[in-house]
C-alpha atoms as a PDB file:
ATOM      1  CA  MET A   1     -27.672  13.744  -7.914  1.00  0.00           C
ATOM      2  CA  THR A   2     -30.119  11.222  -9.689  1.00  0.00           C
ATOM      3  CA  ALA A   3     -32.653   9.178  -8.174  1.00  0.00           C
ATOM      4  CA  TRP A   4     -33.775   6.482 -10.468  1.00  0.00           C
ATOM      5  CA  GLU A   5     -36.330   2.975 -10.366  1.00  0.00           C
ATOM      6  CA  TYR A   6     -35.178  -0.165 -12.683  1.00  0.00           C
ATOM      7  CA  ASP A   7     -37.791  -2.070 -13.418  1.00  0.00           C
ATOM      8  CA  PRO A   8     -36.542  -5.703 -14.707  1.00  0.00           C
ATOM      9  CA  ALA A   9     -39.909  -6.303 -16.225  1.00  0.00           C
ATOM     10  CA  ASN A  10     -39.461  -4.161 -18.903  1.00  0.00           C
ATOM     11  CA  GLU A  11     -35.479  -3.526 -18.972  1.00  0.00           C
ATOM     12  CA  THR A  12     -36.390   0.400 -18.087  1.00  0.00           C
ATOM     13  CA  ILE A  13     -35.232   2.929 -15.925  1.00  0.00           C
ATOM     14  CA  VAL A  14     -37.209   6.412 -14.620  1.00  0.00           C
ATOM     15  CA  TRP A  15     -35.850   8.825 -13.573  1.00  0.00           C
ATOM     16  CA  VAL A  16     -37.326   9.931 -10.404  1.00  0.00           C
ATOM     17  CA  ASP A  17     -35.483  13.552  -9.363  1.00  0.00           C
ATOM     18  CA  ARG A  18     -32.690  15.170 -11.841  1.00  0.00           C
ATOM     19  CA  ASN A  19     -30.882  17.804 -10.259  1.00  0.00           C
ATOM     20  CA  THR A  20     -27.441  18.692 -11.032  1.00  0.00           C
ATOM     21  CA  LEU A  21     -26.253  15.435 -13.233  1.00  0.00           C
ATOM     22  CA  ARG A  22     -29.210  16.007 -15.645  1.00  0.00           C
ATOM     23  CA  ASP A  23     -26.704  18.888 -17.131  1.00  0.00           C
ATOM     24  CA  LYS A  24     -23.714  16.280 -17.002  1.00  0.00           C
ATOM     25  CA  ALA A  25     -24.616  13.115 -18.025  1.00  0.00           C
ATOM     26  CA  HIS A  26     -26.501  11.529 -20.951  1.00  0.00           C
ATOM     27  CA  GLU A  27     -30.205  10.936 -20.048  1.00  0.00           C
ATOM     28  CA  PRO A  28     -33.322  11.201 -21.657  1.00  0.00           C
ATOM     29  CA  ALA A  29     -36.013  12.868 -20.684  1.00  0.00           C
ATOM     30  CA  GLY A  30     -38.685  10.412 -20.165  1.00  0.00           C
ATOM     31  CA  PRO A  31     -37.802   6.344 -19.480  1.00  0.00           C
ATOM     32  CA  ALA A  32     -35.028   4.900 -20.992  1.00  0.00           C
ATOM     33  CA  ARG A  33     -34.051   0.865 -21.865  1.00  0.00           C
ATOM     34  CA  PHE A  34     -31.139  -0.113 -19.375  1.00  0.00           C
ATOM     35  CA  ALA A  35     -29.396  -1.170 -22.753  1.00  0.00           C
ATOM     36  CA  ASP A  36     -29.046   2.489 -23.865  1.00  0.00           C
ATOM     37  CA  VAL A  37     -28.445   3.839 -20.598  1.00  0.00           C
ATOM     38  CA  LEU A  38     -25.542   1.287 -20.497  1.00  0.00           C
ATOM     39  CA  HIS A  39     -24.475   2.586 -24.042  1.00  0.00           C
ATOM     40  CA  HIS A  40     -23.171   6.000 -22.382  1.00  0.00           C
ATOM     41  CA  VAL A  41     -21.436   4.083 -19.395  1.00  0.00           C
ATOM     42  CA  HIS A  42     -17.342   3.127 -20.226  1.00  0.00           C
ATOM     43  CA  PRO A  43     -16.895   0.121 -22.023  1.00  0.00           C
ATOM     44  CA  ASP A  44     -15.013  -1.327 -19.159  1.00  0.00           C
ATOM     45  CA  ASP A  45     -17.573  -1.059 -16.713  1.00  0.00           C
ATOM     46  CA  ARG A  46     -20.693  -1.931 -18.910  1.00  0.00           C
ATOM     47  CA  SER A  47     -20.618  -5.754 -17.654  1.00  0.00           C
ATOM     48  CA  MET A  48     -19.764  -4.947 -14.306  1.00  0.00           C
ATOM     49  CA  LEU A  49     -23.146  -3.164 -14.117  1.00  0.00           C
ATOM     50  CA  ARG A  50     -24.850  -5.480 -16.078  1.00  0.00           C
ATOM     51  CA  ASP A  51     -23.693  -8.710 -13.605  1.00  0.00           C
ATOM     52  CA  LEU A  52     -24.392  -6.559 -10.464  1.00  0.00           C
ATOM     53  CA  ALA A  53     -28.009  -6.172 -11.619  1.00  0.00           C
ATOM     54  CA  ILE A  54     -28.625  -9.982 -12.516  1.00  0.00           C
ATOM     55  CA  ARG A  55     -27.044 -10.448  -8.856  1.00  0.00           C
ATOM     56  CA  ILE A  56     -29.567  -8.203  -6.638  1.00  0.00           C
ATOM     57  CA  PHE A  57     -32.313  -9.289  -8.838  1.00  0.00           C
ATOM     58  CA  ASN A  58     -31.490 -13.005  -8.028  1.00  0.00           C
ATOM     59  CA  GLU A  59     -30.093 -12.476  -4.221  1.00  0.00           C
ATOM     60  CA  GLY A  60     -31.886  -9.121  -3.226  1.00  0.00           C
ATOM     61  CA  GLY A  61     -30.225  -6.520  -0.940  1.00  0.00           C
ATOM     62  CA  ALA A  62     -28.268  -3.175  -1.618  1.00  0.00           C
ATOM     63  CA  PHE A  63     -25.458  -2.152  -3.772  1.00  0.00           C
ATOM     64  CA  SER A  64     -22.693   0.490  -3.677  1.00  0.00           C
ATOM     65  CA  THR A  65     -20.504   0.521  -6.803  1.00  0.00           C
ATOM     66  CA  GLU A  66     -18.448   3.054  -8.812  1.00  0.00           C
ATOM     67  CA  PHE A  67     -18.590   3.537 -12.517  1.00  0.00           C
ATOM     68  CA  ARG A  68     -17.503   5.909 -15.306  1.00  0.00           C
ATOM     69  CA  MET A  69     -20.122   7.652 -17.551  1.00  0.00           C
ATOM     70  CA  PHE A  70     -19.802   9.531 -20.792  1.00  0.00           C
ATOM     71  CA  ALA A  71     -20.960  13.347 -20.372  1.00  0.00           C
ATOM     72  CA  LYS A  72     -22.426  15.278 -22.820  1.00  0.00           C
ATOM     73  CA  ASN A  73     -19.182  17.428 -23.764  1.00  0.00           C
ATOM     74  CA  GLY A  74     -17.377  13.882 -24.344  1.00  0.00           C
ATOM     75  CA  THR A  75     -15.214  13.605 -20.868  1.00  0.00           C
ATOM     76  CA  ILE A  76     -15.581  10.536 -18.404  1.00  0.00           C
ATOM     77  CA  ARG A  77     -17.014  11.282 -15.406  1.00  0.00           C
ATOM     78  CA  TRP A  78     -16.846   9.141 -11.999  1.00  0.00           C
ATOM     79  CA  MET A  79     -20.488   7.950 -10.919  1.00  0.00           C
ATOM     80  CA  LEU A  80     -21.252   6.268  -7.343  1.00  0.00           C
ATOM     81  CA  GLY A  81     -24.279   4.102  -7.546  1.00  0.00           C
ATOM     82  CA  LYS A  82     -26.481   2.783  -4.398  1.00  0.00           C
ATOM     83  CA  GLY A  83     -29.771   1.168  -4.268  1.00  0.00           C
ATOM     84  CA  GLU A  84     -31.428  -2.267  -3.177  1.00  0.00           C
ATOM     85  CA  LEU A  85     -34.133  -4.121  -4.569  1.00  0.00           C
ATOM     86  CA  LEU A  86     -37.542  -3.519  -3.253  1.00  0.00           C
ATOM     87  CA  ARG A  87     -39.951  -6.312  -3.868  1.00  0.00           C
ATOM     88  CA  LYS A  88     -43.871  -5.922  -3.948  1.00  0.00           C
ATOM     89  CA  ALA A  89     -45.603  -6.252  -1.091  1.00  0.00           C
ATOM     90  CA  ASP A  90     -47.472  -9.615  -2.306  1.00  0.00           C
ATOM     91  CA  LEU A  91     -44.123 -10.859  -2.983  1.00  0.00           C
ATOM     92  CA  SER A  92     -44.881 -11.537  -6.901  1.00  0.00           C
ATOM     93  CA  GLY A  93     -42.894 -10.601  -9.378  1.00  0.00           C
ATOM     94  CA  THR A  94     -39.371  -9.550  -8.756  1.00  0.00           C
ATOM     95  CA  GLY A  95     -40.066  -5.848  -7.748  1.00  0.00           C
ATOM     96  CA  LYS A  96     -37.702  -2.821  -9.018  1.00  0.00           C
ATOM     97  CA  ILE A  97     -34.348  -1.733  -8.020  1.00  0.00           C
ATOM     98  CA  VAL A  98     -34.707   1.637  -6.521  1.00  0.00           C
ATOM     99  CA  GLY A  99     -31.267   3.893  -5.871  1.00  0.00           C
ATOM    100  CA  VAL A 100     -29.377   7.142  -6.777  1.00  0.00           C
ATOM    101  CA  THR A 101     -26.382   8.043  -8.544  1.00  0.00           C
ATOM    102  CA  LEU A 102     -23.804  10.848  -7.580  1.00  0.00           C
ATOM    103  CA  ASP A 103     -21.068  12.421  -9.417  1.00  0.00           C
ATOM    104  CA  VAL A 104     -18.126  11.844  -7.659  1.00  0.00           C
ATOM    105  CA  SER A 105     -15.507  13.026 -10.045  1.00  0.00           C
ATOM    106  CA  GLU A 106     -14.305  15.841  -8.072  1.00  0.00           C
ATOM    107  CA  LEU A 107     -13.669  13.221  -5.259  1.00  0.00           C
ATOM    108  CA  LYS A 108     -11.886  10.891  -6.991  1.00  0.00           C
ATOM    109  CA  ARG A 109      -9.382  13.723  -8.385  1.00  0.00           C
ATOM    110  CA  THR A 110      -9.230  14.846  -4.603  1.00  0.00           C
ATOM    111  CA  GLN A 111      -7.936  11.349  -3.518  1.00  0.00           C
ATOM    112  CA  VAL A 112      -5.776  10.789  -6.321  1.00  0.00           C
ATOM    113  CA  GLU A 113      -3.813  14.705  -6.007  1.00  0.00           C
ATOM    114  CA  LEU A 114      -4.032  13.456  -1.936  1.00  0.00           C
ATOM    115  CA  GLN A 115      -2.190  10.296  -3.084  1.00  0.00           C
ATOM    116  CA  GLU A 116       0.347  12.018  -4.945  1.00  0.00           C
ATOM    117  CA  LEU A 117       1.135  14.549  -2.552  1.00  0.00           C
ATOM    118  CA  ALA A 118       1.779  11.258  -0.158  1.00  0.00           C
ATOM    119  CA  LYS A 119       3.906   9.613  -2.837  1.00  0.00           C
ATOM    120  CA  ARG A 120       6.315  12.947  -3.255  1.00  0.00           C
ATOM    121  CA  LEU A 121       6.394  13.236   0.323  1.00  0.00           C
ATOM    122  CA  MET A 122       7.504   9.553   0.671  1.00  0.00           C
ATOM    123  CA  GLU A 123      10.035  10.230  -2.353  1.00  0.00           C
ATOM    124  CA  ALA A 124      11.653  13.295  -0.289  1.00  0.00           C
ATOM    125  CA  GLN A 125      11.716  10.987   2.694  1.00  0.00           C
ATOM    126  CA  GLU A 126      13.699   8.200   1.003  1.00  0.00           C
ATOM    127  CA  GLU A 127      15.769  11.216  -0.794  1.00  0.00           C
ATOM    128  CA  GLU A 128      16.700  12.265   2.618  1.00  0.00           C
ATOM    129  CA  ARG A 129      17.525   8.258   4.143  1.00  0.00           C
ATOM    130  CA  CYS A 130      19.920   7.843   0.904  1.00  0.00           C
ATOM    131  CA  ARG A 131      21.489  11.194   2.044  1.00  0.00           C
ATOM    132  CA  ILE A 132      21.976  10.312   5.419  1.00  0.00           C
ATOM    133  CA  SER A 133      23.177   6.635   4.496  1.00  0.00           C
ATOM    134  CA  ARG A 134      25.882   8.131   2.446  1.00  0.00           C
ATOM    135  CA  GLU A 135      26.892  10.574   5.256  1.00  0.00           C
ATOM    136  CA  LEU A 136      27.010   7.576   7.817  1.00  0.00           C
ATOM    137  CA  HIS A 137      28.936   5.437   5.391  1.00  0.00           C
ATOM    138  CA  ASP A 138      31.070   7.508   3.864  1.00  0.00           C
ATOM    139  CA  ASP A 139      32.096   9.946   6.197  1.00  0.00           C
ATOM    140  CA  ILE A 140      30.958   9.275   9.822  1.00  0.00           C
ATOM    141  CA  GLY A 141      32.015   5.617   9.608  1.00  0.00           C
ATOM    142  CA  GLN A 142      35.100   6.329   7.835  1.00  0.00           C
ATOM    143  CA  ARG A 143      36.131   8.305  10.886  1.00  0.00           C
ATOM    144  CA  VAL A 144      35.077   5.966  13.468  1.00  0.00           C
ATOM    145  CA  ALA A 145      37.140   3.564  11.290  1.00  0.00           C
ATOM    146  CA  LEU A 146      40.179   5.859  11.566  1.00  0.00           C
ATOM    147  CA  LEU A 147      39.602   6.229  15.142  1.00  0.00           C
ATOM    148  CA  GLY A 148      40.087   2.786  16.007  1.00  0.00           C
ATOM    149  CA  ILE A 149      43.245   2.695  13.948  1.00  0.00           C
ATOM    150  CA  GLU A 150      44.623   5.308  15.961  1.00  0.00           C
ATOM    151  CA  LEU A 151      43.297   3.675  19.440  1.00  0.00           C
ATOM    152  CA  ASP A 152      45.180   0.283  17.939  1.00  0.00           C
ATOM    153  CA  LEU A 153      48.294   2.317  17.745  1.00  0.00           C
ATOM    154  CA  VAL A 154      47.816   3.642  21.546  1.00  0.00           C
ATOM    155  CA  ARG A 155      47.630   0.212  22.578  1.00  0.00           C
ATOM    156  CA  GLN A 156      50.553  -1.120  21.209  1.00  0.00           C
ATOM    157  CA  LEU A 157      52.624   2.137  22.767  1.00  0.00           C
ATOM    158  CA  LEU A 158      51.347   1.362  25.978  1.00  0.00           C
ATOM    159  CA  GLN A 159      52.712  -2.260  26.399  1.00  0.00           C
ATOM    160  CA  GLU A 160      54.113  -1.602  29.358  1.00  0.00           C
ATOM    161  CA  HIS A 161      51.724   0.405  30.920  1.00  0.00           C
ATOM    162  CA  GLN A 162      48.630  -2.114  31.967  1.00  0.00           C
ATOM    163  CA  PRO A 163      46.229  -0.233  33.510  1.00  0.00           C
ATOM    164  CA  LEU A 164      45.928   2.271  30.211  1.00  0.00           C
ATOM    165  CA  ARG A 165      46.682  -0.295  27.921  1.00  0.00           C
ATOM    166  CA  GLU A 166      43.383  -1.818  29.183  1.00  0.00           C
ATOM    167  CA  ARG A 167      41.499   1.383  29.059  1.00  0.00           C
ATOM    168  CA  VAL A 168      42.494   1.527  25.542  1.00  0.00           C
ATOM    169  CA  GLU A 169      41.260  -1.879  24.808  1.00  0.00           C
ATOM    170  CA  ARG A 170      38.175  -0.832  26.067  1.00  0.00           C
ATOM    171  CA  ALA A 171      37.403   1.940  23.932  1.00  0.00           C
ATOM    172  CA  GLN A 172      38.723  -0.125  21.106  1.00  0.00           C
ATOM    173  CA  LEU A 173      35.779  -2.220  21.782  1.00  0.00           C
ATOM    174  CA  VAL A 174      33.222   0.416  22.145  1.00  0.00           C
ATOM    175  CA  THR A 175      34.301   1.939  18.931  1.00  0.00           C
ATOM    176  CA  GLY A 176      34.207  -1.299  16.867  1.00  0.00           C
ATOM    177  CA  GLU A 177      31.138  -1.847  18.076  1.00  0.00           C
ATOM    178  CA  LEU A 178      30.050   1.986  17.423  1.00  0.00           C
ATOM    179  CA  GLY A 179      31.330   1.284  13.873  1.00  0.00           C
ATOM    180  CA  THR A 180      29.387  -1.947  13.007  1.00  0.00           C
ATOM    181  CA  ASP A 181      25.818  -0.156  14.620  1.00  0.00           C
ATOM    182  CA  LEU A 182      27.204   2.843  11.760  1.00  0.00           C
ATOM    183  CA  HIS A 183      26.978   0.087   9.130  1.00  0.00           C
ATOM    184  CA  GLN A 184      23.454  -1.427  10.269  1.00  0.00           C
ATOM    185  CA  LEU A 185      21.841   1.788  10.850  1.00  0.00           C
ATOM    186  CA  SER A 186      23.074   2.958   6.713  1.00  0.00           C
ATOM    187  CA  HIS A 187      21.782  -0.363   5.725  1.00  0.00           C
ATOM    188  CA  ALA A 188      18.236   0.242   7.590  1.00  0.00           C
ATOM    189  CA  LEU A 189      18.136   3.624   5.917  1.00  0.00           C
ATOM    190  CA  HIS A 190      18.908   2.817   2.391  1.00  0.00           C
ATOM    191  CA  SER A 191      19.375  -1.038   1.370  1.00  0.00           C
ATOM    192  CA  SER A 192      22.185  -0.921  -1.867  1.00  0.00           C
ATOM    193  CA  LYS A 193      20.928  -4.705  -2.099  1.00  0.00           C
ATOM    194  CA  LEU A 194      17.869  -3.704  -3.168  1.00  0.00           C
ATOM    195  CA  LYS A 195      18.760  -1.238  -6.026  1.00  0.00           C
ATOM    196  CA  TYR A 196      21.442  -3.440  -7.676  1.00  0.00           C
ATOM    197  CA  LEU A 197      20.290  -6.913  -6.257  1.00  0.00           C
ATOM    198  CA  GLY A 198      16.284  -6.817  -6.092  1.00  0.00           C
ATOM    199  CA  LEU A 199      14.209  -7.393  -3.643  1.00  0.00           C
ATOM    200  CA  PRO A 200      14.711 -10.931  -2.599  1.00  0.00           C
ATOM    201  CA  ALA A 201      18.457 -10.126  -1.830  1.00  0.00           C
ATOM    202  CA  ALA A 202      17.153  -6.934   0.028  1.00  0.00           C
ATOM    203  CA  LEU A 203      14.860  -9.324   2.278  1.00  0.00           C
ATOM    204  CA  ARG A 204      17.401 -11.914   3.126  1.00  0.00           C
ATOM    205  CA  GLU A 205      20.178  -9.279   4.676  1.00  0.00           C
ATOM    206  CA  LEU A 206      16.908  -7.604   6.529  1.00  0.00           C
ATOM    207  CA  CYS A 207      16.143 -10.841   7.954  1.00  0.00           C
ATOM    208  CA  THR A 208      19.681 -11.663   8.976  1.00  0.00           C
ATOM    209  CA  ARG A 209      20.360  -8.874  10.211  1.00  0.00           C
ATOM    210  CA  MET A 210      17.180  -8.518  12.380  1.00  0.00           C
ATOM    211  CA  ALA A 211      17.792 -11.762  13.568  1.00  0.00           C
ATOM    212  CA  ASP A 212      21.140 -11.551  14.700  1.00  0.00           C
ATOM    213  CA  LYS A 213      20.639  -8.269  16.377  1.00  0.00           C
ATOM    214  CA  HIS A 214      17.526  -8.952  18.695  1.00  0.00           C
ATOM    215  CA  SER A 215      18.093 -12.667  18.785  1.00  0.00           C
ATOM    216  CA  LEU A 216      15.046 -13.242  16.996  1.00  0.00           C
ATOM    217  CA  ALA A 217      14.228 -16.104  15.097  1.00  0.00           C
ATOM    218  CA  ILE A 218      13.233 -15.418  11.712  1.00  0.00           C
ATOM    219  CA  GLU A 219      12.003 -18.179   8.840  1.00  0.00           C
ATOM    220  CA  LEU A 220      12.238 -16.350   5.457  1.00  0.00           C
ATOM    221  CA  ASP A 221      10.456 -18.143   2.174  1.00  0.00           C
ATOM    222  CA  CYS A 222      11.496 -16.028  -0.497  1.00  0.00           C
ATOM    223  CA  GLN A 223      12.565 -17.363  -3.814  1.00  0.00           C
ATOM    224  CA  GLU A 224      13.804 -15.939  -6.647  1.00  0.00           C
ATOM    225  CA  HIS A 225      11.268 -14.307  -8.906  1.00  0.00           C
ATOM    226  CA  LYS A 226      11.590 -13.992 -12.996  1.00  0.00           C
ATOM    227  CA  LEU A 227      10.519 -10.528 -12.934  1.00  0.00           C
ATOM    228  CA  SER A 228      10.953  -6.849 -13.567  1.00  0.00           C
ATOM    229  CA  LEU A 229       9.531  -5.363 -10.544  1.00  0.00           C
ATOM    230  CA  PRO A 230       9.130  -1.668 -10.773  1.00  0.00           C
ATOM    231  CA  GLU A 231      11.501   0.267  -8.307  1.00  0.00           C
ATOM    232  CA  GLU A 232       8.311   1.735  -6.899  1.00  0.00           C
ATOM    233  CA  GLU A 233       6.838  -1.166  -5.834  1.00  0.00           C
ATOM    234  CA  ALA A 234       9.888  -2.912  -5.025  1.00  0.00           C
ATOM    235  CA  LEU A 235      10.944  -0.481  -2.547  1.00  0.00           C
ATOM    236  CA  ALA A 236       7.278  -0.100  -0.835  1.00  0.00           C
ATOM    237  CA  LEU A 237       7.307  -3.481  -0.573  1.00  0.00           C
ATOM    238  CA  PHE A 238      10.926  -3.541   1.127  1.00  0.00           C
ATOM    239  CA  ARG A 239       9.614  -0.754   3.812  1.00  0.00           C
ATOM    240  CA  VAL A 240       6.661  -2.778   4.636  1.00  0.00           C
ATOM    241  CA  ALA A 241       8.742  -5.635   5.872  1.00  0.00           C
ATOM    242  CA  GLN A 242      10.967  -3.293   7.713  1.00  0.00           C
ATOM    243  CA  GLU A 243       8.679  -1.637   9.415  1.00  0.00           C
ATOM    244  CA  ALA A 244       6.605  -5.066  10.083  1.00  0.00           C
ATOM    245  CA  LEU A 245       9.985  -6.548  11.494  1.00  0.00           C
ATOM    246  CA  ASN A 246      10.675  -3.294  13.851  1.00  0.00           C
ATOM    247  CA  ASN A 247       6.983  -3.802  15.079  1.00  0.00           C
ATOM    248  CA  VAL A 248       7.626  -6.958  15.980  1.00  0.00           C
ATOM    249  CA  VAL A 249      10.771  -6.360  17.971  1.00  0.00           C
ATOM    250  CA  ARG A 250       9.322  -3.164  19.733  1.00  0.00           C
ATOM    251  CA  HIS A 251       5.489  -4.285  20.490  1.00  0.00           C
ATOM    252  CA  SER A 252       4.823  -8.039  19.761  1.00  0.00           C
ATOM    253  CA  GLY A 253       7.224 -10.152  22.556  1.00  0.00           C
ATOM    254  CA  ALA A 254       7.454 -12.694  19.938  1.00  0.00           C
ATOM    255  CA  THR A 255      10.141 -15.022  19.324  1.00  0.00           C
ATOM    256  CA  SER A 256       9.636 -16.003  15.769  1.00  0.00           C
ATOM    257  CA  VAL A 257       8.077 -14.084  12.643  1.00  0.00           C
ATOM    258  CA  ARG A 258       7.931 -15.776   9.585  1.00  0.00           C
ATOM    259  CA  VAL A 259       8.511 -13.587   6.254  1.00  0.00           C
ATOM    260  CA  SER A 260       7.420 -14.670   2.975  1.00  0.00           C
ATOM    261  CA  LEU A 261       7.289 -13.302  -0.420  1.00  0.00           C
ATOM    262  CA  SER A 262       5.420 -15.052  -3.446  1.00  0.00           C
ATOM    263  CA  GLN A 263       4.356 -14.422  -6.902  1.00  0.00           C
ATOM    264  CA  THR A 264       0.904 -15.622  -8.608  1.00  0.00           C
ATOM    265  CA  ALA A 265      -0.899 -14.586 -11.599  1.00  0.00           C
ATOM    266  CA  GLY A 266      -0.300 -10.590 -11.877  1.00  0.00           C
ATOM    267  CA  GLU A 267       0.645 -10.466  -8.201  1.00  0.00           C
ATOM    268  CA  LEU A 268       3.693  -9.945  -5.659  1.00  0.00           C
ATOM    269  CA  ARG A 269       2.290 -10.826  -2.253  1.00  0.00           C
ATOM    270  CA  LEU A 270       4.384  -9.921   1.012  1.00  0.00           C
ATOM    271  CA  LEU A 271       3.663 -11.887   4.196  1.00  0.00           C
ATOM    272  CA  VAL A 272       5.210 -10.956   7.951  1.00  0.00           C
ATOM    273  CA  CYS A 273       3.670 -13.227  10.594  1.00  0.00           C
ATOM    274  CA  ASP A 274       4.740 -13.329  13.922  1.00  0.00           C
ATOM    275  CA  ASP A 275       3.719 -15.304  17.226  1.00  0.00           C
ATOM    276  CA  GLY A 276       3.640 -12.465  19.499  1.00  0.00           C
ATOM    277  CA  ASN A 277       0.673 -10.825  21.715  1.00  0.00           C
ATOM    278  CA  GLY A 278      -1.397  -9.377  18.962  1.00  0.00           C
ATOM    279  CA  PHE A 279      -3.592  -6.244  19.177  1.00  0.00           C
ATOM    280  CA  ASP A 280      -6.745  -4.506  18.232  1.00  0.00           C
ATOM    281  CA  PRO A 281      -5.688  -3.271  14.597  1.00  0.00           C
ATOM    282  CA  THR A 282      -8.956  -0.821  14.577  1.00  0.00           C
ATOM    283  CA  ALA A 283      -8.054   0.880  17.930  1.00  0.00           C
ATOM    284  CA  LYS A 284      -6.751   4.387  17.634  1.00  0.00           C
ATOM    285  CA  THR A 285      -2.878   4.920  17.948  1.00  0.00           C
ATOM    286  CA  SER A 286      -0.290   7.196  18.490  1.00  0.00           C
ATOM    287  CA  GLY A 287       2.404   5.409  16.392  1.00  0.00           C
ATOM    288  CA  ILE A 288       2.841   6.058  12.848  1.00  0.00           C
ATOM    289  CA  GLY A 289       4.032   2.764  11.480  1.00  0.00           C
ATOM    290  CA  LEU A 290       0.938   1.064  10.390  1.00  0.00           C
ATOM    291  CA  ILE A 291      -0.240   4.282   8.536  1.00  0.00           C
ATOM    292  CA  GLY A 292       3.170   4.785   6.840  1.00  0.00           C
ATOM    293  CA  MET A 293       2.861   1.065   5.527  1.00  0.00           C
ATOM    294  CA  ARG A 294      -0.495   1.504   4.365  1.00  0.00           C
ATOM    295  CA  GLU A 295       0.249   5.215   2.877  1.00  0.00           C
ATOM    296  CA  ARG A 296       2.970   2.977   0.754  1.00  0.00           C
ATOM    297  CA  MET A 297       0.993   0.848  -0.664  1.00  0.00           C
ATOM    298  CA  ARG A 298      -1.312   2.892  -1.404  1.00  0.00           C
ATOM    299  CA  ALA A 299       1.053   4.917  -3.452  1.00  0.00           C
ATOM    300  CA  VAL A 300       1.773   2.123  -5.992  1.00  0.00           C
ATOM    301  CA  GLN A 301      -1.909   1.361  -5.701  1.00  0.00           C
ATOM    302  CA  GLY A 302      -1.036  -1.710  -4.016  1.00  0.00           C
ATOM    303  CA  ASP A 303      -3.489  -3.749  -1.044  1.00  0.00           C
ATOM    304  CA  PHE A 304      -2.381  -3.812   2.253  1.00  0.00           C
ATOM    305  CA  GLN A 305      -3.934  -5.630   5.268  1.00  0.00           C
ATOM    306  CA  ILE A 306      -3.696  -6.717   9.023  1.00  0.00           C
ATOM    307  CA  ILE A 307      -4.613  -9.551  10.691  1.00  0.00           C
ATOM    308  CA  SER A 308      -4.540 -10.013  14.440  1.00  0.00           C
ATOM    309  CA  ALA A 309      -6.483  -9.533  18.053  1.00  0.00           C
ATOM    310  CA  PRO A 310      -5.156  -9.240  21.318  1.00  0.00           C
ATOM    311  CA  GLY A 311      -3.084 -12.554  22.282  1.00  0.00           C
ATOM    312  CA  ALA A 312      -3.325 -13.605  18.757  1.00  0.00           C
ATOM    313  CA  ALA A 313      -0.607 -13.717  15.950  1.00  0.00           C
ATOM    314  CA  THR A 314      -0.024 -10.605  13.902  1.00  0.00           C
ATOM    315  CA  GLU A 315      -0.681 -11.134  10.060  1.00  0.00           C
ATOM    316  CA  ILE A 316       0.965  -7.959   7.882  1.00  0.00           C
ATOM    317  CA  HIS A 317      -0.235  -8.587   4.040  1.00  0.00           C
ATOM    318  CA  ALA A 318       0.783  -6.135   1.411  1.00  0.00           C
ATOM    319  CA  THR A 319       0.033  -6.991  -2.164  1.00  0.00           C
ATOM    320  CA  VAL A 320       1.457  -5.199  -5.512  1.00  0.00           C
ATOM    321  CA  THR A 321       0.099  -5.929  -8.981  1.00  0.00           C
ATOM    322  CA  PHE A 322       2.505  -5.856 -12.354  1.00  0.00           C
ATOM    323  CA  PRO A 323       3.072  -4.671 -14.709  1.00  0.00           C
ATOM    324  CA  SER A 324       2.363  -1.535 -13.053  1.00  0.00           C
ATOM    325  CA  PRO A 325      -0.482   0.812 -13.611  1.00  0.00           C
ATOM    326  CA  LEU A 326      -0.105   4.276 -15.193  1.00  0.00           C
ATOM    327  CA  PRO A 327       2.020   6.306 -12.956  1.00  0.00           C
ATOM    328  CA  LEU A 328      -0.127   8.863 -10.847  1.00  0.00           C
ATOM    329  CA  GLY A 329       1.113  12.076 -12.884  1.00  0.00           C
ATOM    330  CA  THR A 330      -0.777  10.309 -15.601  1.00  0.00           C
ATOM    331  CA  VAL A 331      -4.000   9.634 -13.890  1.00  0.00           C
ATOM    332  CA  ILE A 332      -4.231  13.468 -12.595  1.00  0.00           C
ATOM    333  CA  ARG A 333      -3.576  14.706 -16.215  1.00  0.00           C
ATOM    334  CA  GLN A 334      -6.289  12.027 -17.459  1.00  0.00           C
ATOM    335  CA  LEU A 335      -8.790  13.576 -14.729  1.00  0.00           C
ATOM    336  CA  LYS A 336      -8.322  17.202 -15.513  1.00  0.00           C
ATOM    337  CA  ALA A 337      -8.577  16.219 -18.761  1.00  0.00           C
ATOM    338  CA  GLY A 338     -11.352  14.156 -18.455  1.00  0.00           C
ATOM    339  CA  THR A 339     -10.131  11.369 -20.314  1.00  0.00           C
ATOM    340  CA  ILE A 340      -8.994   8.571 -17.714  1.00  0.00           C
ATOM    341  CA  GLN A 341      -9.524   5.552 -18.736  1.00  0.00           C
END
């Protein structure tokens, strides 16, 4: 950790306490000009720090920000800077910014590795969903269909046995319903339309199925988007929409839902809004649905937000950017090598 003071009058930084960080970062022994210190900051972060200093000088207050610096051995370290503007007692001049800088590279590496682990767990979950979906469709579903055919043959043989024929007809009806439920469950576990026709088509099928099954009014605003959305991002948004609609059915008491997929410059945004009872998003819950949605968006470096309150509508916002960021495996390798950009 390093404690420091920055004097805007002469644009110099003085280090007050320099312990572990002095062996890692490029820091002179005495006062240094702010511009010289910025020279050792990653080029992509220099303007951000410069703008931050200007804002703090003009507006005052405290700040907390992360940035990258080149270490003495040439690797890149992630730093966390915290501080505030202290004005002079007589209010003359701008005062000084005082703060501390901490090396958080290990924390960043751990966060990325945990993110990679969560991603692998979700990939394993999707593989299992796909396997079960195939089993339901290709094996159990076909067997139920054959059972329905056999029951129809039995019904035809019982033309003169009215009570038995009626029981077989009831069994036929139950078998047909079972086949429909298996078909819907198979599609819920793994959407082939998502893979072959894209996210808008998969969302249309999802909304139609949920509306028919639960007598729910679902308004879908989902135009065809002329973009090649990576499979991971498309799957994350689809699963968020799926879980959000499931939560509406299970918990909200809503009668109508609006699902919107909109595209802006470099972003694709999903909105699911219902007219239900709402809830407190900050309250502890034993469910894993919200956690799963948040982790799915984190795995694709997307943004996830819940807006709700007891007695109010609930809005689920999920946003992904494109083109897709670097794969997490690449990020981890760059972090270990100290070359993360």
